[in-house]
PDB file of N, CA and C in Angstrom:
ATOM      1  N   UNK A   1      95.020  81.867  62.120  1.00  0.00           N
ATOM      2  CA  UNK A   1      94.964  81.427  63.508  1.00  0.00           C
ATOM      3  C   UNK A   1      93.506  81.230  63.905  1.00  0.00           C
ATOM      4  N   UNK A   2      93.236  80.181  64.608  1.00  0.00           N
ATOM      5  CA  UNK A   2      91.894  79.863  65.063  1.00  0.00           C
ATOM      6  C   UNK A   2      91.424  80.921  66.054  1.00  0.00           C
ATOM      7  N   UNK A   3      90.183  81.406  65.890  1.00  0.00           N
ATOM      8  CA  UNK A   3      89.660  82.466  66.760  1.00  0.00           C
ATOM      9  C   UNK A   3      89.551  82.025  68.208  1.00  0.00           C
ATOM     10  N   UNK A   4      89.417  80.732  68.447  1.00  0.00           N
ATOM     11  CA  UNK A   4      89.288  80.232  69.812  1.00  0.00           C
ATOM     12  C   UNK A   4      90.625  80.070  70.528  1.00  0.00           C
ATOM     13  N   UNK A   5      91.717  80.092  69.803  1.00  0.00           N
ATOM     14  CA  UNK A   5      93.036  79.894  70.410  1.00  0.00           C
ATOM     15  C   UNK A   5      93.708  81.236  70.631  1.00  0.00           C
ATOM     16  N   UNK A   6      94.233  81.409  71.806  1.00  0.00           N
ATOM     17  CA  UNK A   6      94.908  82.654  72.162  1.00  0.00           C
ATOM     18  C   UNK A   6      96.354  82.342  72.515  1.00  0.00           C
ATOM     19  N   UNK A   7      97.232  83.281  72.232  1.00  0.00           N
ATOM     20  CA  UNK A   7      98.625  83.107  72.625  1.00  0.00           C
ATOM     21  C   UNK A   7      98.756  83.432  74.113  1.00  0.00           C
ATOM     22  N   UNK A   8      99.792  82.949  74.760  1.00  0.00           N
ATOM     23  CA  UNK A   8      99.995  83.277  76.171  1.00  0.00           C
ATOM     24  C   UNK A   8     100.048  84.790  76.417  1.00  0.00           C
ATOM     25  N   UNK A   9     100.632  85.532  75.498  1.00  0.00           N
ATOM     26  CA  UNK A   9     100.700  86.985  75.652  1.00  0.00           C
ATOM     27  C   UNK A   9      99.307  87.611  75.630  1.00  0.00           C
ATOM     28  N   UNK A  10      98.441  87.159  74.714  1.00  0.00           N
ATOM     29  CA  UNK A  10      97.076  87.681  74.656  1.00  0.00           C
ATOM     30  C   UNK A  10      96.307  87.368  75.929  1.00  0.00           C
ATOM     31  N   UNK A  11      96.486  86.162  76.440  1.00  0.00           N
ATOM     32  CA  UNK A  11      95.813  85.768  77.676  1.00  0.00           C
ATOM     33  C   UNK A  11      96.295  86.620  78.843  1.00  0.00           C
ATOM     34  N   UNK A  12      97.603  86.823  78.938  1.00  0.00           N
ATOM     35  CA  UNK A  12      98.165  87.626  80.026  1.00  0.00           C
ATOM     36  C   UNK A  12      97.651  89.059  79.967  1.00  0.00           C
ATOM     37  N   UNK A  13      97.597  89.620  78.793  1.00  0.00           N
ATOM     38  CA  UNK A  13      97.093  90.996  78.659  1.00  0.00           C
ATOM     39  C   UNK A  13      95.623  91.090  79.069  1.00  0.00           C
ATOM     40  N   UNK A  14      94.839  90.120  78.649  1.00  0.00           N
ATOM     41  CA  UNK A  14      93.408  90.130  78.992  1.00  0.00           C
ATOM     42  C   UNK A  14      93.227  89.989  80.506  1.00  0.00           C
ATOM     43  N   UNK A  15      93.980  89.104  81.116  1.00  0.00           N
ATOM     44  CA  UNK A  15      93.870  88.914  82.559  1.00  0.00           C
ATOM     45  C   UNK A  15      94.343  90.139  83.341  1.00  0.00           C
ATOM     46  N   UNK A  16      95.357  90.833  82.831  1.00  0.00           N
ATOM     47  CA  UNK A  16      95.868  92.009  83.548  1.00  0.00           C
ATOM     48  C   UNK A  16      94.866  93.161  83.529  1.00  0.00           C
ATOM     49  N   UNK A  17      93.945  93.154  82.584  1.00  0.00           N
ATOM     50  CA  UNK A  17      92.933  94.215  82.515  1.00  0.00           C
ATOM     51  C   UNK A  17      91.717  93.928  83.385  1.00  0.00           C
ATOM     52  N   UNK A  18      91.608  92.719  83.888  1.00  0.00           N
ATOM     53  CA  UNK A  18      90.482  92.371  84.745  1.00  0.00           C
ATOM     54  C   UNK A  18      90.571  93.099  86.078  1.00  0.00           C
ATOM     55  N   UNK A  19      89.425  93.433  86.660  1.00  0.00           N
ATOM     56  CA  UNK A  19      89.463  94.024  88.007  1.00  0.00           C
ATOM     57  C   UNK A  19      90.024  93.007  89.000  1.00  0.00           C
ATOM     58  N   UNK A  20      90.765  93.511  89.949  1.00  0.00           N
ATOM     59  CA  UNK A  20      91.373  92.645  90.954  1.00  0.00           C
ATOM     60  C   UNK A  20      90.331  92.248  91.981  1.00  0.00           C
ATOM     61  N   UNK A  21      90.142  90.962  92.149  1.00  0.00           N
ATOM     62  CA  UNK A  21      89.232  90.439  93.167  1.00  0.00           C
ATOM     63  C   UNK A  21      90.040  89.578  94.109  1.00  0.00           C
ATOM     64  N   UNK A  22      89.786  89.761  95.369  1.00  0.00           N
ATOM     65  CA  UNK A  22      90.523  89.008  96.376  1.00  0.00           C
ATOM     66  C   UNK A  22      89.828  87.678  96.614  1.00  0.00           C
ATOM     67  N   UNK A  23      90.576  86.613  96.488  1.00  0.00           N
ATOM     68  CA  UNK A  23      90.006  85.293  96.736  1.00  0.00           C
ATOM     69  C   UNK A  23      89.954  85.046  98.239  1.00  0.00           C
ATOM     70  N   UNK A  24      89.086  84.142  98.699  1.00  0.00           N
ATOM     71  CA  UNK A  24      88.939  83.906 100.134  1.00  0.00           C
ATOM     72  C   UNK A  24      90.238  83.471 100.817  1.00  0.00           C
ATOM     73  N   UNK A  25      91.123  82.827 100.107  1.00  0.00           N
ATOM     74  CA  UNK A  25      92.361  82.365 100.713  1.00  0.00           C
ATOM     75  C   UNK A  25      93.530  83.306 100.531  1.00  0.00           C
ATOM     76  N   UNK A  26      93.268  84.512 100.045  1.00  0.00           N
ATOM     77  CA  UNK A  26      94.356  85.443  99.746  1.00  0.00           C
ATOM     78  C   UNK A  26      95.061  85.896 101.026  1.00  0.00           C
ATOM     79  N   UNK A  27      96.344  86.125 100.909  1.00  0.00           N
ATOM     80  CA  UNK A  27      97.140  86.610 102.041  1.00  0.00           C
ATOM     81  C   UNK A  27      96.861  88.076 102.290  1.00  0.00           C
ATOM     82  N   UNK A  28      96.894  88.475 103.543  1.00  0.00           N
ATOM     83  CA  UNK A  28      96.863  89.890 103.938  1.00  0.00           C
ATOM     84  C   UNK A  28      98.306  90.287 104.214  1.00  0.00           C
ATOM     85  N   UNK A  29      98.763  91.339 103.574  1.00  0.00           N
ATOM     86  CA  UNK A  29     100.150  91.767 103.726  1.00  0.00           C
ATOM     87  C   UNK A  29     100.212  93.225 104.173  1.00  0.00           C
ATOM     88  N   UNK A  30     101.202  93.518 104.986  1.00  0.00           N
ATOM     89  CA  UNK A  30     101.500  94.890 105.383  1.00  0.00           C
ATOM     90  C   UNK A  30     103.014  95.047 105.325  1.00  0.00           C
ATOM     91  N   UNK A  31     103.464  96.187 104.826  1.00  0.00           N
ATOM     92  CA  UNK A  31     104.892  96.483 104.783  1.00  0.00           C
ATOM     93  C   UNK A  31     105.156  97.683 105.676  1.00  0.00           C
ATOM     94  N   UNK A  32     106.194  97.567 106.487  1.00  0.00           N
ATOM     95  CA  UNK A  32     106.561  98.620 107.438  1.00  0.00           C
ATOM     96  C   UNK A  32     108.028  98.975 107.248  1.00  0.00           C
ATOM     97  N   UNK A  33     108.365 100.218 107.540  1.00  0.00           N
ATOM     98  CA  UNK A  33     109.756 100.676 107.619  1.00  0.00           C
ATOM     99  C   UNK A  33     109.880 101.388 108.954  1.00  0.00           C
ATOM    100  N   UNK A  34     110.600 100.745 109.887  1.00  0.00           N
ATOM    101  CA  UNK A  34     110.681 101.239 111.261  1.00  0.00           C
ATOM    102  C   UNK A  34     112.088 101.039 111.811  1.00  0.00           C
ATOM    103  N   UNK A  35     112.433 101.795 112.865  1.00  0.00           N
ATOM    104  CA  UNK A  35     113.689 101.510 113.572  1.00  0.00           C
ATOM    105  C   UNK A  35     113.630 100.083 114.132  1.00  0.00           C
ATOM    106  N   UNK A  36     114.775  99.482 114.342  1.00  0.00           N
ATOM    107  CA  UNK A  36     114.855  98.066 114.727  1.00  0.00           C
ATOM    108  C   UNK A  36     113.946  97.705 115.910  1.00  0.00           C
ATOM    109  N   UNK A  37     113.989  98.451 116.972  1.00  0.00           N
ATOM    110  CA  UNK A  37     113.174  98.137 118.153  1.00  0.00           C
ATOM    111  C   UNK A  37     111.679  98.218 117.872  1.00  0.00           C
ATOM    112  N   UNK A  38     111.280  99.249 117.122  1.00  0.00           N
ATOM    113  CA  UNK A  38     109.869  99.390 116.774  1.00  0.00           C
ATOM    114  C   UNK A  38     109.416  98.302 115.802  1.00  0.00           C
ATOM    115  N   UNK A  39     110.308  97.908 114.904  1.00  0.00           N
ATOM    116  CA  UNK A  39     109.982  96.829 113.962  1.00  0.00           C
ATOM    117  C   UNK A  39     109.745  95.528 114.728  1.00  0.00           C
ATOM    118  N   UNK A  40     110.581  95.264 115.687  1.00  0.00           N
ATOM    119  CA  UNK A  40     110.422  94.059 116.515  1.00  0.00           C
ATOM    120  C   UNK A  40     109.091  94.109 117.280  1.00  0.00           C
ATOM    121  N   UNK A  41     108.764  95.268 117.834  1.00  0.00           N
ATOM    122  CA  UNK A  41     107.512  95.413 118.579  1.00  0.00           C
ATOM    123  C   UNK A  41     106.301  95.227 117.661  1.00  0.00           C
ATOM    124  N   UNK A  42     106.372  95.780 116.450  1.00  0.00           N
ATOM    125  CA  UNK A  42     105.260  95.645 115.495  1.00  0.00           C
ATOM    126  C   UNK A  42     105.070  94.177 115.104  1.00  0.00           C
ATOM    127  N   UNK A  43     106.153  93.471 114.887  1.00  0.00           N
ATOM    128  CA  UNK A  43     106.050  92.047 114.562  1.00  0.00           C
ATOM    129  C   UNK A  43     105.422  91.277 115.719  1.00  0.00           C
ATOM    130  N   UNK A  44     105.815  91.600 116.951  1.00  0.00           N
ATOM    131  CA  UNK A  44     105.213  90.947 118.120  1.00  0.00           C
ATOM    132  C   UNK A  44     103.713  91.245 118.203  1.00  0.00           C
ATOM    133  N   UNK A  45     103.309  92.468 117.881  1.00  0.00           N
ATOM    134  CA  UNK A  45     101.877  92.817 117.863  1.00  0.00           C
ATOM    135  C   UNK A  45     101.116  91.899 116.917  1.00  0.00           C
ATOM    136  N   UNK A  46     101.668  91.729 115.718  1.00  0.00           N
ATOM    137  CA  UNK A  46     101.005  90.877 114.732  1.00  0.00           C
ATOM    138  C   UNK A  46     100.907  89.436 115.212  1.00  0.00           C
ATOM    139  N   UNK A  47     102.009  88.912 115.745  1.00  0.00           N
ATOM    140  CA  UNK A  47     101.988  87.517 116.181  1.00  0.00           C
ATOM    141  C   UNK A  47     101.071  87.321 117.386  1.00  0.00           C
ATOM    142  N   UNK A  48     100.918  88.357 118.224  1.00  0.00           N
ATOM    143  CA  UNK A  48      99.974  88.269 119.346  1.00  0.00           C
ATOM    144  C   UNK A  48      98.528  88.322 118.840  1.00  0.00           C
ATOM    145  N   UNK A  49      98.255  89.214 117.891  1.00  0.00           N
ATOM    146  CA  UNK A  49      96.895  89.378 117.375  1.00  0.00           C
ATOM    147  C   UNK A  49      96.488  88.246 116.431  1.00  0.00           C
ATOM    148  N   UNK A  50      97.440  87.735 115.680  1.00  0.00           N
ATOM    149  CA  UNK A  50      97.164  86.699 114.682  1.00  0.00           C
ATOM    150  C   UNK A  50      98.153  85.551 114.868  1.00  0.00           C
ATOM    151  N   UNK A  51      97.878  84.640 115.796  1.00  0.00           N
ATOM    152  CA  UNK A  51      98.828  83.561 116.095  1.00  0.00           C
ATOM    153  C   UNK A  51      99.191  82.750 114.850  1.00  0.00           C
ATOM    154  N   UNK A  52     100.448  82.370 114.785  1.00  0.00           N
ATOM    155  CA  UNK A  52     100.962  81.648 113.632  1.00  0.00           C
ATOM    156  C   UNK A  52     100.180  80.365 113.370  1.00  0.00           C
ATOM    157  N   UNK A  53      99.807  79.649 114.416  1.00  0.00           N
ATOM    158  CA  UNK A  53      99.109  78.378 114.250  1.00  0.00           C
ATOM    159  C   UNK A  53      97.763  78.541 113.557  1.00  0.00           C
ATOM    160  N   UNK A  54      97.071  79.634 113.796  1.00  0.00           N
ATOM    161  CA  UNK A  54      95.738  79.840 113.219  1.00  0.00           C
ATOM    162  C   UNK A  54      95.777  80.619 111.908  1.00  0.00           C
ATOM    163  N   UNK A  55      96.660  81.596 111.805  1.00  0.00           N
ATOM    164  CA  UNK A  55      96.670  82.498 110.653  1.00  0.00           C
ATOM    165  C   UNK A  55      97.878  82.325 109.741  1.00  0.00           C
ATOM    166  N   UNK A  56      98.772  81.416 110.075  1.00  0.00           N
ATOM    167  CA  UNK A  56     100.003  81.204 109.310  1.00  0.00           C
ATOM    168  C   UNK A  56     100.805  82.503 109.157  1.00  0.00           C
ATOM    169  N   UNK A  57     100.784  83.324 110.182  1.00  0.00           N
ATOM    170  CA  UNK A  57     101.484  84.603 110.182  1.00  0.00           C
ATOM    171  C   UNK A  57     102.986  84.364 110.041  1.00  0.00           C
ATOM    172  N   UNK A  58     103.623  85.163 109.205  1.00  0.00           N
ATOM    173  CA  UNK A  58     105.077  85.074 109.067  1.00  0.00           C
ATOM    174  C   UNK A  58     105.648  86.355 108.484  1.00  0.00           C
ATOM    175  N   UNK A  59     106.914  86.573 108.766  1.00  0.00           N
ATOM    176  CA  UNK A  59     107.641  87.672 108.143  1.00  0.00           C
ATOM    177  C   UNK A  59     108.012  87.168 106.752  1.00  0.00           C
ATOM    178  N   UNK A  60     107.427  87.768 105.744  1.00  0.00           N
ATOM    179  CA  UNK A  60     107.635  87.302 104.375  1.00  0.00           C
ATOM    180  C   UNK A  60     109.012  87.719 103.848  1.00  0.00           C
ATOM    181  N   UNK A  61     109.405  88.956 104.147  1.00  0.00           N
ATOM    182  CA  UNK A  61     110.725  89.435 103.729  1.00  0.00           C
ATOM    183  C   UNK A  61     111.131  90.592 104.631  1.00  0.00           C
ATOM    184  N   UNK A  62     112.442  90.805 104.725  1.00  0.00           N
ATOM    185  CA  UNK A  62     112.929  91.939 105.497  1.00  0.00           C
ATOM    186  C   UNK A  62     114.312  92.323 104.999  1.00  0.00           C
ATOM    187  N   UNK A  63     114.686  93.581 105.259  1.00  0.00           N
ATOM    188  CA  UNK A  63     116.022  94.059 104.916  1.00  0.00           C
ATOM    189  C   UNK A  63     116.351  95.256 105.787  1.00  0.00           C
ATOM    190  N   UNK A  64     117.636  95.446 105.985  1.00  0.00           N
ATOM    191  CA  UNK A  64     118.095  96.620 106.731  1.00  0.00           C
ATOM    192  C   UNK A  64     118.467  97.694 105.721  1.00  0.00           C
ATOM    193  N   UNK A  65     117.906  98.875 105.885  1.00  0.00           N
ATOM    194  CA  UNK A  65     118.179  99.982 104.977  1.00  0.00           C
ATOM    195  C   UNK A  65     119.458 100.701 105.383  1.00  0.00           C
ATOM    196  N   UNK A  66     119.956 101.556 104.505  1.00  0.00           N
ATOM    197  CA  UNK A  66     121.210 102.276 104.742  1.00  0.00           C
ATOM    198  C   UNK A  66     121.155 103.126 106.008  1.00  0.00           C
ATOM    199  N   UNK A  67     119.969 103.643 106.340  1.00  0.00           N
ATOM    200  CA  UNK A  67     119.854 104.483 107.532  1.00  0.00           C
ATOM    201  C   UNK A  67     119.630 103.674 108.813  1.00  0.00           C
ATOM    202  N   UNK A  68     119.710 102.344 108.716  1.00  0.00           N
ATOM    203  CA  UNK A  68     119.584 101.492 109.890  1.00  0.00           C
ATOM    204  C   UNK A  68     118.170 101.024 110.184  1.00  0.00           C
ATOM    205  N   UNK A  69     117.187 101.548 109.453  1.00  0.00           N
ATOM    206  CA  UNK A  69     115.818 101.106 109.674  1.00  0.00           C
ATOM    207  C   UNK A  69     115.600  99.723 109.046  1.00  0.00           C
ATOM    208  N   UNK A  70     114.576  99.059 109.527  1.00  0.00           N
ATOM    209  CA  UNK A  70     114.225  97.740 109.019  1.00  0.00           C
ATOM    210  C   UNK A  70     112.956  97.872 108.198  1.00  0.00           C
ATOM    211  N   UNK A  71     113.006  97.393 106.978  1.00  0.00           N
ATOM    212  CA  UNK A  71     111.815  97.325 106.133  1.00  0.00           C
ATOM    213  C   UNK A  71     111.401  95.866 106.076  1.00  0.00           C
ATOM    214  N   UNK A  72     110.153  95.585 106.421  1.00  0.00           N
ATOM    215  CA  UNK A  72     109.705  94.194 106.396  1.00  0.00           C
ATOM    216  C   UNK A  72     108.257  94.092 105.963  1.00  0.00           C
ATOM    217  N   UNK A  73     107.942  92.954 105.388  1.00  0.00           N
ATOM    218  CA  UNK A  73     106.576  92.642 104.992  1.00  0.00           C
ATOM    219  C   UNK A  73     106.148  91.435 105.798  1.00  0.00           C
ATOM    220  N   UNK A  74     105.003  91.577 106.445  1.00  0.00           N
ATOM    221  CA  UNK A  74     104.457  90.495 107.257  1.00  0.00           C
ATOM    222  C   UNK A  74     103.134  90.086 106.617  1.00  0.00           C
ATOM    223  N   UNK A  75     102.859  88.781 106.630  1.00  0.00           N
ATOM    224  CA  UNK A  75     101.626  88.316 106.008  1.00  0.00           C
ATOM    225  C   UNK A  75     100.893  87.353 106.917  1.00  0.00           C
ATOM    226  N   UNK A  76      99.585  87.237 106.656  1.00  0.00           N
ATOM    227  CA  UNK A  76      98.745  86.309 107.397  1.00  0.00           C
ATOM    228  C   UNK A  76      97.548  85.947 106.548  1.00  0.00           C
ATOM    229  N   UNK A  77      96.881  84.884 106.907  1.00  0.00           N
ATOM    230  CA  UNK A  77      95.614  84.544 106.262  1.00  0.00           C
ATOM    231  C   UNK A  77      94.534  85.442 106.845  1.00  0.00           C
ATOM    232  N   UNK A  78      93.461  85.697 106.103  1.00  0.00           N
ATOM    233  CA  UNK A  78      92.444  86.619 106.598  1.00  0.00           C
ATOM    234  C   UNK A  78      91.673  86.117 107.811  1.00  0.00           C
ATOM    235  N   UNK A  79      91.505  84.826 107.963  1.00  0.00           N
ATOM    236  CA  UNK A  79      90.798  84.313 109.139  1.00  0.00           C
ATOM    237  C   UNK A  79      91.199  82.877 109.415  1.00  0.00           C
ATOM    238  N   UNK A  80      90.856  82.406 110.563  1.00  0.00           N
ATOM    239  CA  UNK A  80      91.182  81.038 110.940  1.00  0.00           C
ATOM    240  C   UNK A  80      90.023  80.093 110.697  1.00  0.00           C
ATOM    241  N   UNK A  81      88.965  80.569 110.050  1.00  0.00           N
ATOM    242  CA  UNK A  81      87.785  79.735 109.810  1.00  0.00           C
ATOM    243  C   UNK A  81      88.056  78.625 108.833  1.00  0.00           C
TER     244      UNK A  81
END
């Protein structure tokens, strides 16, 4: 095998060992587990602080847990610049 050619597995392993660096366009994510009313209030806080038009804020995923709480992940861009 040519020393300059790497298999996809070798490349993936090498990349997974690299230190994680956040790129300028990386999403900021937060995950919360709250009662329904508090989850709604927390989402409103985010949308008030980081308007969707400027930060592309959105609820990325959500689910209702067995105990009735809502687990959700909300994301936004780091800045509107």
